[in-house]
PDB file of N, CA and C in Angstrom:
ATOM      1  N   MET A   1      24.169 -17.986 -44.340  1.00  0.00           N
ATOM      2  CA  MET A   1      23.572 -17.931 -43.016  1.00  0.00           C
ATOM      3  C   MET A   1      23.443 -16.495 -42.504  1.00  0.00           C
ATOM      4  N   GLY A   2      24.260 -15.594 -42.974  1.00  0.00           N
ATOM      5  CA  GLY A   2      24.230 -14.220 -42.488  1.00  0.00           C
ATOM      6  C   GLY A   2      22.899 -13.548 -42.759  1.00  0.00           C
ATOM      7  N   TRP A   3      22.330 -13.812 -43.979  1.00  0.00           N
ATOM      8  CA  TRP A   3      21.061 -13.183 -44.333  1.00  0.00           C
ATOM      9  C   TRP A   3      19.923 -13.692 -43.451  1.00  0.00           C
ATOM     10  N   ILE A   4      19.889 -14.954 -43.134  1.00  0.00           N
ATOM     11  CA  ILE A   4      18.838 -15.553 -42.297  1.00  0.00           C
ATOM     12  C   ILE A   4      18.912 -15.002 -40.877  1.00  0.00           C
ATOM     13  N   GLU A   5      20.109 -14.884 -40.330  1.00  0.00           N
ATOM     14  CA  GLU A   5      20.267 -14.347 -38.973  1.00  0.00           C
ATOM     15  C   GLU A   5      19.819 -12.893 -38.906  1.00  0.00           C
ATOM     16  N   GLU A   6      20.151 -12.083 -39.895  1.00  0.00           N
ATOM     17  CA  GLU A   6      19.744 -10.678 -39.919  1.00  0.00           C
ATOM     18  C   GLU A   6      18.230 -10.566 -40.040  1.00  0.00           C
ATOM     19  N   ASN A   7      17.642 -11.403 -40.881  1.00  0.00           N
ATOM     20  CA  ASN A   7      16.192 -11.395 -41.064  1.00  0.00           C
ATOM     21  C   ASN A   7      15.484 -11.798 -39.772  1.00  0.00           C
ATOM     22  N   MET A   8      16.019 -12.795 -39.047  1.00  0.00           N
ATOM     23  CA  MET A   8      15.431 -13.214 -37.773  1.00  0.00           C
ATOM     24  C   MET A   8      15.560 -12.116 -36.733  1.00  0.00           C
ATOM     25  N   LYS A   9      16.693 -11.416 -36.699  1.00  0.00           N
ATOM     26  CA  LYS A   9      16.877 -10.316 -35.749  1.00  0.00           C
ATOM     27  C   LYS A   9      15.892  -9.195 -36.033  1.00  0.00           C
ATOM     28  N   SER A  10      15.715  -8.848 -37.309  1.00  0.00           N
ATOM     29  CA  SER A  10      14.803  -7.754 -37.628  1.00  0.00           C
ATOM     30  C   SER A  10      13.358  -8.142 -37.305  1.00  0.00           C
ATOM     31  N   THR A  11      12.991  -9.409 -37.519  1.00  0.00           N
ATOM     32  CA  THR A  11      11.650  -9.887 -37.159  1.00  0.00           C
ATOM     33  C   THR A  11      11.461  -9.836 -35.648  1.00  0.00           C
ATOM     34  N   HIS A  12      12.478 -10.225 -34.908  1.00  0.00           N
ATOM     35  CA  HIS A  12      12.408 -10.195 -33.444  1.00  0.00           C
ATOM     36  C   HIS A  12      12.261  -8.751 -32.954  1.00  0.00           C
ATOM     37  N   ILE A  13      12.987  -7.836 -33.524  1.00  0.00           N
ATOM     38  CA  ILE A  13      12.891  -6.422 -33.123  1.00  0.00           C
ATOM     39  C   ILE A  13      11.501  -5.888 -33.446  1.00  0.00           C
ATOM     40  N   ARG A  14      10.944  -6.226 -34.618  1.00  0.00           N
ATOM     41  CA  ARG A  14       9.595  -5.788 -34.984  1.00  0.00           C
ATOM     42  C   ARG A  14       8.548  -6.328 -34.001  1.00  0.00           C
ATOM     43  N   GLN A  15       8.704  -7.564 -33.579  1.00  0.00           N
ATOM     44  CA  GLN A  15       7.764  -8.143 -32.609  1.00  0.00           C
ATOM     45  C   GLN A  15       7.833  -7.406 -31.283  1.00  0.00           C
ATOM     46  N   ILE A  16       9.038  -7.090 -30.826  1.00  0.00           N
ATOM     47  CA  ILE A  16       9.194  -6.365 -29.562  1.00  0.00           C
ATOM     48  C   ILE A  16       8.570  -4.984 -29.660  1.00  0.00           C
ATOM     49  N   VAL A  17       8.839  -4.279 -30.771  1.00  0.00           N
ATOM     50  CA  VAL A  17       8.261  -2.942 -30.963  1.00  0.00           C
ATOM     51  C   VAL A  17       6.739  -3.032 -31.029  1.00  0.00           C
ATOM     52  N   SER A  18       6.224  -4.040 -31.743  1.00  0.00           N
ATOM     53  CA  SER A  18       4.779  -4.218 -31.850  1.00  0.00           C
ATOM     54  C   SER A  18       4.144  -4.495 -30.484  1.00  0.00           C
ATOM     55  N   GLN A  19       4.771  -5.309 -29.663  1.00  0.00           N
ATOM     56  CA  GLN A  19       4.252  -5.599 -28.329  1.00  0.00           C
ATOM     57  C   GLN A  19       4.301  -4.363 -27.438  1.00  0.00           C
ATOM     58  N   ALA A  20       5.371  -3.575 -27.553  1.00  0.00           N
ATOM     59  CA  ALA A  20       5.477  -2.352 -26.754  1.00  0.00           C
ATOM     60  C   ALA A  20       4.389  -1.358 -27.148  1.00  0.00           C
ATOM     61  N   ILE A  21       4.133  -1.220 -28.447  1.00  0.00           N
ATOM     62  CA  ILE A  21       3.068  -0.319 -28.907  1.00  0.00           C
ATOM     63  C   ILE A  21       1.708  -0.811 -28.427  1.00  0.00           C
ATOM     64  N   SER A  22       1.463  -2.101 -28.502  1.00  0.00           N
ATOM     65  CA  SER A  22       0.188  -2.660 -28.034  1.00  0.00           C
ATOM     66  C   SER A  22      -0.003  -2.426 -26.544  1.00  0.00           C
ATOM     67  N   LEU A  23       1.044  -2.643 -25.763  1.00  0.00           N
ATOM     68  CA  LEU A  23       0.962  -2.390 -24.318  1.00  0.00           C
ATOM     69  C   LEU A  23       0.683  -0.923 -24.040  1.00  0.00           C
ATOM     70  N   GLY A  24       1.354  -0.035 -24.757  1.00  0.00           N
ATOM     71  CA  GLY A  24       1.112   1.408 -24.593  1.00  0.00           C
ATOM     72  C   GLY A  24      -0.317   1.784 -24.926  1.00  0.00           C
ATOM     73  N   MET A  25      -0.875   1.171 -25.975  1.00  0.00           N
ATOM     74  CA  MET A  25      -2.265   1.459 -26.346  1.00  0.00           C
ATOM     75  C   MET A  25      -3.246   0.963 -25.288  1.00  0.00           C
ATOM     76  N   VAL A  26      -2.986  -0.199 -24.707  1.00  0.00           N
ATOM     77  CA  VAL A  26      -3.860  -0.723 -23.653  1.00  0.00           C
ATOM     78  C   VAL A  26      -3.829   0.200 -22.432  1.00  0.00           C
ATOM     79  N   ILE A  27      -2.634   0.596 -22.019  1.00  0.00           N
ATOM     80  CA  ILE A  27      -2.501   1.474 -20.848  1.00  0.00           C
ATOM     81  C   ILE A  27      -3.148   2.826 -21.109  1.00  0.00           C
ATOM     82  N   SER A  28      -2.901   3.419 -22.272  1.00  0.00           N
ATOM     83  CA  SER A  28      -3.489   4.734 -22.564  1.00  0.00           C
ATOM     84  C   SER A  28      -5.009   4.636 -22.691  1.00  0.00           C
ATOM     85  N   SER A  29      -5.534   3.542 -23.248  1.00  0.00           N
ATOM     86  CA  SER A  29      -6.989   3.363 -23.336  1.00  0.00           C
ATOM     87  C   SER A  29      -7.609   3.275 -21.945  1.00  0.00           C
ATOM     88  N   ALA A  30      -6.968   2.547 -21.041  1.00  0.00           N
ATOM     89  CA  ALA A  30      -7.479   2.431 -19.668  1.00  0.00           C
ATOM     90  C   ALA A  30      -7.493   3.797 -18.986  1.00  0.00           C
ATOM     91  N   LEU A  31      -6.441   4.575 -19.177  1.00  0.00           N
ATOM     92  CA  LEU A  31      -6.399   5.909 -18.560  1.00  0.00           C
ATOM     93  C   LEU A  31      -7.458   6.832 -19.151  1.00  0.00           C
ATOM     94  N   ILE A  32      -7.674   6.751 -20.453  1.00  0.00           N
ATOM     95  CA  ILE A  32      -8.701   7.584 -21.090  1.00  0.00           C
ATOM     96  C   ILE A  32     -10.081   7.210 -20.561  1.00  0.00           C
ATOM     97  N   ILE A  33     -10.363   5.923 -20.457  1.00  0.00           N
ATOM     98  CA  ILE A  33     -11.659   5.476 -19.925  1.00  0.00           C
ATOM     99  C   ILE A  33     -11.821   5.941 -18.479  1.00  0.00           C
ATOM    100  N   TRP A  34     -10.771   5.794 -17.656  1.00  0.00           N
ATOM    101  CA  TRP A  34     -10.818   6.207 -16.245  1.00  0.00           C
ATOM    102  C   TRP A  34     -11.114   7.709 -16.131  1.00  0.00           C
ATOM    103  N   LYS A  35     -10.381   8.528 -16.887  1.00  0.00           N
ATOM    104  CA  LYS A  35     -10.593   9.984 -16.834  1.00  0.00           C
ATOM    105  C   LYS A  35     -11.957  10.362 -17.380  1.00  0.00           C
ATOM    106  N   GLY A  36     -12.424   9.660 -18.405  1.00  0.00           N
ATOM    107  CA  GLY A  36     -13.754   9.920 -18.937  1.00  0.00           C
ATOM    108  C   GLY A  36     -14.834   9.638 -17.906  1.00  0.00           C
ATOM    109  N   LEU A  37     -14.701   8.533 -17.187  1.00  0.00           N
ATOM    110  CA  LEU A  37     -15.674   8.213 -16.135  1.00  0.00           C
ATOM    111  C   LEU A  37     -15.632   9.234 -15.003  1.00  0.00           C
ATOM    112  N   ILE A  38     -14.452   9.753 -14.686  1.00  0.00           N
ATOM    113  CA  ILE A  38     -14.349  10.798 -13.666  1.00  0.00           C
ATOM    114  C   ILE A  38     -15.122  12.034 -14.111  1.00  0.00           C
ATOM    115  N   CYS A  39     -15.007  12.408 -15.385  1.00  0.00           N
ATOM    116  CA  CYS A  39     -15.749  13.568 -15.902  1.00  0.00           C
ATOM    117  C   CYS A  39     -17.254  13.312 -15.898  1.00  0.00           C
ATOM    118  N   ILE A  40     -17.668  12.118 -16.269  1.00  0.00           N
ATOM    119  CA  ILE A  40     -19.095  11.801 -16.334  1.00  0.00           C
ATOM    120  C   ILE A  40     -19.722  11.763 -14.946  1.00  0.00           C
ATOM    121  N   THR A  41     -19.048  11.140 -13.979  1.00  0.00           N
ATOM    122  CA  THR A  41     -19.624  10.997 -12.641  1.00  0.00           C
ATOM    123  C   THR A  41     -19.426  12.237 -11.779  1.00  0.00           C
ATOM    124  N   GLY A  42     -18.457  13.075 -12.113  1.00  0.00           N
ATOM    125  CA  GLY A  42     -18.190  14.269 -11.324  1.00  0.00           C
ATOM    126  C   GLY A  42     -17.510  13.970 -10.006  1.00  0.00           C
ATOM    127  N   SER A  43     -16.972  12.789  -9.850  1.00  0.00           N
ATOM    128  CA  SER A  43     -16.342  12.375  -8.605  1.00  0.00           C
ATOM    129  C   SER A  43     -14.839  12.231  -8.791  1.00  0.00           C
ATOM    130  N   GLU A  44     -14.073  12.666  -7.786  1.00  0.00           N
ATOM    131  CA  GLU A  44     -12.624  12.531  -7.845  1.00  0.00           C
ATOM    132  C   GLU A  44     -12.209  11.070  -7.811  1.00  0.00           C
ATOM    133  N   SER A  45     -12.952  10.290  -7.069  1.00  0.00           N
ATOM    134  CA  SER A  45     -12.663   8.869  -6.920  1.00  0.00           C
ATOM    135  C   SER A  45     -13.879   8.085  -7.401  1.00  0.00           C
ATOM    136  N   LEU A  46     -13.661   7.137  -8.273  1.00  0.00           N
ATOM    137  CA  LEU A  46     -14.785   6.381  -8.827  1.00  0.00           C
ATOM    138  C   LEU A  46     -15.248   5.249  -7.935  1.00  0.00           C
ATOM    139  N   VAL A  47     -14.347   4.708  -7.154  1.00  0.00           N
ATOM    140  CA  VAL A  47     -14.697   3.559  -6.325  1.00  0.00           C
ATOM    141  C   VAL A  47     -14.130   3.715  -4.923  1.00  0.00           C
ATOM    142  N   VAL A  48     -14.834   3.156  -3.960  1.00  0.00           N
ATOM    143  CA  VAL A  48     -14.328   3.028  -2.591  1.00  0.00           C
ATOM    144  C   VAL A  48     -14.651   1.618  -2.126  1.00  0.00           C
ATOM    145  N   VAL A  49     -13.896   1.162  -1.161  1.00  0.00           N
ATOM    146  CA  VAL A  49     -14.111  -0.156  -0.580  1.00  0.00           C
ATOM    147  C   VAL A  49     -14.570   0.027   0.857  1.00  0.00           C
ATOM    148  N   VAL A  50     -15.610  -0.689   1.247  1.00  0.00           N
ATOM    149  CA  VAL A  50     -16.092  -0.644   2.627  1.00  0.00           C
ATOM    150  C   VAL A  50     -15.073  -1.372   3.489  1.00  0.00           C
ATOM    151  N   LEU A  51     -14.503  -0.658   4.475  1.00  0.00           N
ATOM    152  CA  LEU A  51     -13.416  -1.217   5.272  1.00  0.00           C
ATOM    153  C   LEU A  51     -13.852  -1.806   6.607  1.00  0.00           C
ATOM    154  N   SER A  52     -15.043  -1.425   7.084  1.00  0.00           N
ATOM    155  CA  SER A  52     -15.468  -1.943   8.385  1.00  0.00           C
ATOM    156  C   SER A  52     -16.873  -2.529   8.265  1.00  0.00           C
ATOM    157  N   GLY A  53     -17.349  -3.092   9.335  1.00  0.00           N
ATOM    158  CA  GLY A  53     -18.678  -3.685   9.351  1.00  0.00           C
ATOM    159  C   GLY A  53     -19.773  -2.724   9.769  1.00  0.00           C
ATOM    160  N   SER A  54     -19.479  -1.424   9.808  1.00  0.00           N
ATOM    161  CA  SER A  54     -20.462  -0.466  10.314  1.00  0.00           C
ATOM    162  C   SER A  54     -21.655  -0.279   9.382  1.00  0.00           C
ATOM    163  N   MET A  55     -21.568  -0.701   8.134  1.00  0.00           N
ATOM    164  CA  MET A  55     -22.667  -0.512   7.190  1.00  0.00           C
ATOM    165  C   MET A  55     -23.506  -1.778   7.002  1.00  0.00           C
ATOM    166  N   GLU A  56     -23.213  -2.839   7.757  1.00  0.00           N
ATOM    167  CA  GLU A  56     -23.980  -4.080   7.618  1.00  0.00           C
ATOM    168  C   GLU A  56     -25.390  -3.887   8.129  1.00  0.00           C
ATOM    169  N   PRO A  57     -26.391  -4.517   7.584  1.00  0.00           N
ATOM    170  CA  PRO A  57     -26.369  -5.571   6.584  1.00  0.00           C
ATOM    171  C   PRO A  57     -26.385  -5.052   5.148  1.00  0.00           C
ATOM    172  N   GLY A  58     -26.520  -3.732   4.921  1.00  0.00           N
ATOM    173  CA  GLY A  58     -26.586  -3.196   3.566  1.00  0.00           C
ATOM    174  C   GLY A  58     -25.324  -3.448   2.763  1.00  0.00           C
ATOM    175  N   PHE A  59     -24.194  -3.112   3.347  1.00  0.00           N
ATOM    176  CA  PHE A  59     -22.900  -3.333   2.702  1.00  0.00           C
ATOM    177  C   PHE A  59     -22.016  -4.093   3.667  1.00  0.00           C
ATOM    178  N   LYS A  60     -21.363  -5.086   3.154  1.00  0.00           N
ATOM    179  CA  LYS A  60     -20.455  -5.876   3.977  1.00  0.00           C
ATOM    180  C   LYS A  60     -19.026  -5.393   3.786  1.00  0.00           C
ATOM    181  N   ARG A  61     -18.173  -5.735   4.720  1.00  0.00           N
ATOM    182  CA  ARG A  61     -16.762  -5.377   4.633  1.00  0.00           C
ATOM    183  C   ARG A  61     -16.176  -5.959   3.345  1.00  0.00           C
ATOM    184  N   GLY A  62     -15.479  -5.119   2.578  1.00  0.00           N
ATOM    185  CA  GLY A  62     -14.878  -5.553   1.329  1.00  0.00           C
ATOM    186  C   GLY A  62     -15.716  -5.248   0.099  1.00  0.00           C
ATOM    187  N   ASP A  63     -16.970  -4.814   0.291  1.00  0.00           N
ATOM    188  CA  ASP A  63     -17.796  -4.443  -0.861  1.00  0.00           C
ATOM    189  C   ASP A  63     -17.198  -3.237  -1.570  1.00  0.00           C
ATOM    190  N   ILE A  64     -17.343  -3.210  -2.883  1.00  0.00           N
ATOM    191  CA  ILE A  64     -16.847  -2.093  -3.689  1.00  0.00           C
ATOM    192  C   ILE A  64     -18.042  -1.229  -4.073  1.00  0.00           C
ATOM    193  N   LEU A  65     -17.938   0.074  -3.822  1.00  0.00           N
ATOM    194  CA  LEU A  65     -19.009   1.011  -4.152  1.00  0.00           C
ATOM    195  C   LEU A  65     -18.540   1.926  -5.276  1.00  0.00           C
ATOM    196  N   PHE A  66     -19.368   2.107  -6.306  1.00  0.00           N
ATOM    197  CA  PHE A  66     -19.085   3.026  -7.386  1.00  0.00           C
ATOM    198  C   PHE A  66     -19.757   4.353  -7.055  1.00  0.00           C
ATOM    199  N   LEU A  67     -19.013   5.447  -7.169  1.00  0.00           N
ATOM    200  CA  LEU A  67     -19.483   6.749  -6.719  1.00  0.00           C
ATOM    201  C   LEU A  67     -19.866   7.662  -7.877  1.00  0.00           C
ATOM    202  N   TYR A  68     -20.782   8.583  -7.593  1.00  0.00           N
ATOM    203  CA  TYR A  68     -21.069   9.688  -8.499  1.00  0.00           C
ATOM    204  C   TYR A  68     -21.506  10.877  -7.648  1.00  0.00           C
ATOM    205  N   MET A  69     -21.227  12.070  -8.151  1.00  0.00           N
ATOM    206  CA  MET A  69     -21.609  13.285  -7.427  1.00  0.00           C
ATOM    207  C   MET A  69     -23.036  13.646  -7.807  1.00  0.00           C
ATOM    208  N   ASN A  70     -23.824  13.950  -6.813  1.00  0.00           N
ATOM    209  CA  ASN A  70     -25.207  14.328  -7.013  1.00  0.00           C
ATOM    210  C   ASN A  70     -25.377  15.755  -6.542  1.00  0.00           C
ATOM    211  N   LYS A  71     -26.032  16.586  -7.338  1.00  0.00           N
ATOM    212  CA  LYS A  71     -26.234  17.996  -6.979  1.00  0.00           C
ATOM    213  C   LYS A  71     -27.433  18.188  -6.052  1.00  0.00           C
ATOM    214  N   ASP A  72     -28.250  17.159  -5.884  1.00  0.00           N
ATOM    215  CA  ASP A  72     -29.424  17.262  -5.018  1.00  0.00           C
ATOM    216  C   ASP A  72     -28.989  17.378  -3.561  1.00  0.00           C
ATOM    217  N   PRO A  73     -29.818  18.012  -2.722  1.00  0.00           N
ATOM    218  CA  PRO A  73     -29.485  18.106  -1.299  1.00  0.00           C
ATOM    219  C   PRO A  73     -29.402  16.721  -0.653  1.00  0.00           C
ATOM    220  N   ILE A  74     -28.584  16.617   0.351  1.00  0.00           N
ATOM    221  CA  ILE A  74     -28.429  15.352   1.073  1.00  0.00           C
ATOM    222  C   ILE A  74     -29.645  15.145   1.965  1.00  0.00           C
ATOM    223  N   ARG A  75     -30.193  13.942   1.936  1.00  0.00           N
ATOM    224  CA  ARG A  75     -31.377  13.604   2.712  1.00  0.00           C
ATOM    225  C   ARG A  75     -31.124  12.349   3.547  1.00  0.00           C
ATOM    226  N   ALA A  76     -31.924  12.178   4.588  1.00  0.00           N
ATOM    227  CA  ALA A  76     -31.818  10.996   5.450  1.00  0.00           C
ATOM    228  C   ALA A  76     -32.036   9.731   4.634  1.00  0.00           C
ATOM    229  N   GLY A  77     -31.249   8.714   4.931  1.00  0.00           N
ATOM    230  CA  GLY A  77     -31.351   7.438   4.249  1.00  0.00           C
ATOM    231  C   GLY A  77     -30.346   7.266   3.124  1.00  0.00           C
ATOM    232  N   GLN A  78     -29.760   8.372   2.654  1.00  0.00           N
ATOM    233  CA  GLN A  78     -28.784   8.269   1.579  1.00  0.00           C
ATOM    234  C   GLN A  78     -27.439   7.781   2.113  1.00  0.00           C
ATOM    235  N   ILE A  79     -26.654   7.209   1.216  1.00  0.00           N
ATOM    236  CA  ILE A  79     -25.293   6.799   1.540  1.00  0.00           C
ATOM    237  C   ILE A  79     -24.372   7.928   1.093  1.00  0.00           C
ATOM    238  N   VAL A  80     -23.491   8.373   1.988  1.00  0.00           N
ATOM    239  CA  VAL A  80     -22.535   9.432   1.646  1.00  0.00           C
ATOM    240  C   VAL A  80     -21.116   8.933   1.887  1.00  0.00           C
ATOM    241  N   VAL A  81     -20.208   9.502   1.135  1.00  0.00           N
ATOM    242  CA  VAL A  81     -18.788   9.224   1.300  1.00  0.00           C
ATOM    243  C   VAL A  81     -18.129  10.564   1.572  1.00  0.00           C
ATOM    244  N   PHE A  82     -17.375  10.645   2.650  1.00  0.00           N
ATOM    245  CA  PHE A  82     -16.716  11.905   2.992  1.00  0.00           C
ATOM    246  C   PHE A  82     -15.341  11.631   3.575  1.00  0.00           C
ATOM    247  N   ASN A  83     -14.554  12.680   3.628  1.00  0.00           N
ATOM    248  CA  ASN A  83     -13.199  12.578   4.154  1.00  0.00           C
ATOM    249  C   ASN A  83     -13.059  13.626   5.244  1.00  0.00           C
ATOM    250  N   ASP A  84     -12.835  13.192   6.457  1.00  0.00           N
ATOM    251  CA  ASP A  84     -12.705  14.134   7.581  1.00  0.00           C
ATOM    252  C   ASP A  84     -11.246  14.327   7.986  1.00  0.00           C
ATOM    253  N   GLY A  85     -10.352  14.350   7.009  1.00  0.00           N
ATOM    254  CA  GLY A  85      -8.939  14.562   7.286  1.00  0.00           C
ATOM    255  C   GLY A  85      -8.124  13.291   7.322  1.00  0.00           C
ATOM    256  N   ARG A  86      -8.769  12.161   7.229  1.00  0.00           N
ATOM    257  CA  ARG A  86      -8.060  10.882   7.222  1.00  0.00           C
ATOM    258  C   ARG A  86      -7.605  10.555   5.804  1.00  0.00           C
ATOM    259  N   ASP A  87      -6.745   9.561   5.706  1.00  0.00           N
ATOM    260  CA  ASP A  87      -6.276   9.125   4.393  1.00  0.00           C
ATOM    261  C   ASP A  87      -7.344   8.348   3.636  1.00  0.00           C
ATOM    262  N   VAL A  88      -8.245   7.705   4.359  1.00  0.00           N
ATOM    263  CA  VAL A  88      -9.249   6.837   3.759  1.00  0.00           C
ATOM    264  C   VAL A  88     -10.623   7.499   3.875  1.00  0.00           C
ATOM    265  N   PRO A  89     -11.400   7.570   2.776  1.00  0.00           N
ATOM    266  CA  PRO A  89     -12.744   8.135   2.879  1.00  0.00           C
ATOM    267  C   PRO A  89     -13.662   7.251   3.728  1.00  0.00           C
ATOM    268  N   ILE A  90     -14.683   7.865   4.301  1.00  0.00           N
ATOM    269  CA  ILE A  90     -15.616   7.178   5.189  1.00  0.00           C
ATOM    270  C   ILE A  90     -16.957   7.024   4.475  1.00  0.00           C
ATOM    271  N   VAL A  91     -17.529   5.841   4.531  1.00  0.00           N
ATOM    272  CA  VAL A  91     -18.835   5.545   3.936  1.00  0.00           C
ATOM    273  C   VAL A  91     -19.828   5.369   5.074  1.00  0.00           C
ATOM    274  N   HIS A  92     -20.891   6.184   5.076  1.00  0.00           N
ATOM    275  CA  HIS A  92     -21.918   6.085   6.117  1.00  0.00           C
ATOM    276  C   HIS A  92     -23.287   6.392   5.540  1.00  0.00           C
ATOM    277  N   ARG A  93     -24.306   5.972   6.263  1.00  0.00           N
ATOM    278  CA  ARG A  93     -25.688   6.292   5.912  1.00  0.00           C
ATOM    279  C   ARG A  93     -26.110   7.521   6.707  1.00  0.00           C
ATOM    280  N   VAL A  94     -26.817   8.450   6.047  1.00  0.00           N
ATOM    281  CA  VAL A  94     -27.294   9.673   6.694  1.00  0.00           C
ATOM    282  C   VAL A  94     -28.504   9.335   7.552  1.00  0.00           C
ATOM    283  N   ILE A  95     -28.438   9.715   8.831  1.00  0.00           N
ATOM    284  CA  ILE A  95     -29.548   9.487   9.769  1.00  0.00           C
ATOM    285  C   ILE A  95     -30.433  10.728   9.846  1.00  0.00           C
ATOM    286  N   GLU A  96     -29.798  11.897  10.024  1.00  0.00           N
ATOM    287  CA  GLU A  96     -30.541  13.165  10.124  1.00  0.00           C
ATOM    288  C   GLU A  96     -29.760  14.267   9.443  1.00  0.00           C
ATOM    289  N   VAL A  97     -30.485  15.258   8.908  1.00  0.00           N
ATOM    290  CA  VAL A  97     -29.864  16.441   8.311  1.00  0.00           C
ATOM    291  C   VAL A  97     -30.451  17.663   8.998  1.00  0.00           C
ATOM    292  N   HIS A  98     -29.580  18.518   9.525  1.00  0.00           N
ATOM    293  CA  HIS A  98     -29.995  19.767  10.173  1.00  0.00           C
ATOM    294  C   HIS A  98     -29.405  20.911   9.356  1.00  0.00           C
ATOM    295  N   GLU A  99     -30.254  21.497   8.493  1.00  0.00           N
ATOM    296  CA  GLU A  99     -29.784  22.565   7.609  1.00  0.00           C
ATOM    297  C   GLU A  99     -29.740  23.887   8.361  1.00  0.00           C
ATOM    298  N   GLN A 100     -28.683  24.652   8.097  1.00  0.00           N
ATOM    299  CA  GLN A 100     -28.528  25.987   8.669  1.00  0.00           C
ATOM    300  C   GLN A 100     -29.200  26.980   7.727  1.00  0.00           C
ATOM    301  N   ARG A 101     -30.161  27.734   8.226  1.00  0.00           N
ATOM    302  CA  ARG A 101     -30.896  28.661   7.358  1.00  0.00           C
ATOM    303  C   ARG A 101     -30.061  29.866   6.956  1.00  0.00           C
ATOM    304  N   ASP A 102     -29.119  30.272   7.804  1.00  0.00           N
ATOM    305  CA  ASP A 102     -28.342  31.474   7.521  1.00  0.00           C
ATOM    306  C   ASP A 102     -27.102  31.201   6.663  1.00  0.00           C
ATOM    307  N   SER A 103     -26.769  29.962   6.401  1.00  0.00           N
ATOM    308  CA  SER A 103     -25.601  29.639   5.580  1.00  0.00           C
ATOM    309  C   SER A 103     -25.927  28.434   4.699  1.00  0.00           C
ATOM    310  N   LYS A 104     -24.983  28.069   3.864  1.00  0.00           N
ATOM    311  CA  LYS A 104     -25.184  26.919   2.983  1.00  0.00           C
ATOM    312  C   LYS A 104     -24.592  25.650   3.575  1.00  0.00           C
ATOM    313  N   GLU A 105     -24.510  25.572   4.876  1.00  0.00           N
ATOM    314  CA  GLU A 105     -23.951  24.398   5.533  1.00  0.00           C
ATOM    315  C   GLU A 105     -25.070  23.596   6.189  1.00  0.00           C
ATOM    316  N   ALA A 106     -24.753  22.330   6.414  1.00  0.00           N
ATOM    317  CA  ALA A 106     -25.709  21.446   7.073  1.00  0.00           C
ATOM    318  C   ALA A 106     -24.942  20.541   8.023  1.00  0.00           C
ATOM    319  N   ASP A 107     -25.522  20.314   9.186  1.00  0.00           N
ATOM    320  CA  ASP A 107     -24.973  19.320  10.105  1.00  0.00           C
ATOM    321  C   ASP A 107     -25.632  17.997   9.738  1.00  0.00           C
ATOM    322  N   ILE A 108     -24.791  17.019   9.467  1.00  0.00           N
ATOM    323  CA  ILE A 108     -25.299  15.733   9.010  1.00  0.00           C
ATOM    324  C   ILE A 108     -24.916  14.670  10.029  1.00  0.00           C
ATOM    325  N   LEU A 109     -25.916  13.995  10.560  1.00  0.00           N
ATOM    326  CA  LEU A 109     -25.693  12.892  11.488  1.00  0.00           C
ATOM    327  C   LEU A 109     -25.687  11.614  10.664  1.00  0.00           C
ATOM    328  N   THR A 110     -24.566  10.914  10.726  1.00  0.00           N
ATOM    329  CA  THR A 110     -24.447   9.667   9.974  1.00  0.00           C
ATOM    330  C   THR A 110     -24.336   8.505  10.948  1.00  0.00           C
ATOM    331  N   LYS A 111     -24.501   7.310  10.429  1.00  0.00           N
ATOM    332  CA  LYS A 111     -24.376   6.128  11.268  1.00  0.00           C
ATOM    333  C   LYS A 111     -22.928   6.017  11.737  1.00  0.00           C
ATOM    334  N   GLY A 112     -22.695   6.382  12.984  1.00  0.00           N
ATOM    335  CA  GLY A 112     -21.363   6.252  13.570  1.00  0.00           C
ATOM    336  C   GLY A 112     -20.641   7.547  13.828  1.00  0.00           C
ATOM    337  N   SER A 113     -21.021   8.663  13.161  1.00  0.00           N
ATOM    338  CA  SER A 113     -20.301   9.916  13.413  1.00  0.00           C
ATOM    339  C   SER A 113     -21.145  11.103  12.961  1.00  0.00           C
ATOM    340  N   ILE A 114     -20.710  12.287  13.409  1.00  0.00           N
ATOM    341  CA  ILE A 114     -21.344  13.545  12.991  1.00  0.00           C
ATOM    342  C   ILE A 114     -20.303  14.299  12.181  1.00  0.00           C
ATOM    343  N   SER A 115     -20.707  14.834  11.028  1.00  0.00           N
ATOM    344  CA  SER A 115     -19.788  15.569  10.170  1.00  0.00           C
ATOM    345  C   SER A 115     -20.448  16.836   9.692  1.00  0.00           C
ATOM    346  N   LEU A 116     -19.626  17.841   9.389  1.00  0.00           N
ATOM    347  CA  LEU A 116     -20.101  19.099   8.836  1.00  0.00           C
ATOM    348  C   LEU A 116     -19.721  19.114   7.376  1.00  0.00           C
ATOM    349  N   ILE A 117     -20.710  19.168   6.509  1.00  0.00           N
ATOM    350  CA  ILE A 117     -20.477  19.172   5.066  1.00  0.00           C
ATOM    351  C   ILE A 117     -21.030  20.455   4.490  1.00  0.00           C
ATOM    352  N   SER A 118     -20.218  21.185   3.741  1.00  0.00           N
ATOM    353  CA  SER A 118     -20.679  22.411   3.092  1.00  0.00           C
ATOM    354  C   SER A 118     -21.336  22.072   1.770  1.00  0.00           C
ATOM    355  N   SER A 119     -22.443  22.743   1.482  1.00  0.00           N
ATOM    356  CA  SER A 119     -23.144  22.498   0.217  1.00  0.00           C
ATOM    357  C   SER A 119     -22.558  23.348  -0.874  1.00  0.00           C
TER     358      SER A 119
END
């Protein structure tokens, strides 16, 4: 009986090690994909969730938005995500853009607030 018990213990240990390695591979693959998407999109955060009803009817509360950084100038009608010092980013539609000719800044009027965004 001693040989059978030792063989069962070694099989059990191999299964545990195999499961731990598989879990590690799944977690590392997810992190690699996440970091790769961050590099491709150029955005620090890949997704945001709409927290209020201010974007209705286009986006409803709870909608998930996938983000990417665009090098083109911001124009009226676009959706922008910005952070004005709060913990949660703000999602708004651009109503008007007032570009400053003497600097690379623009005053952007969004649905619900006015923000200063540097280009």
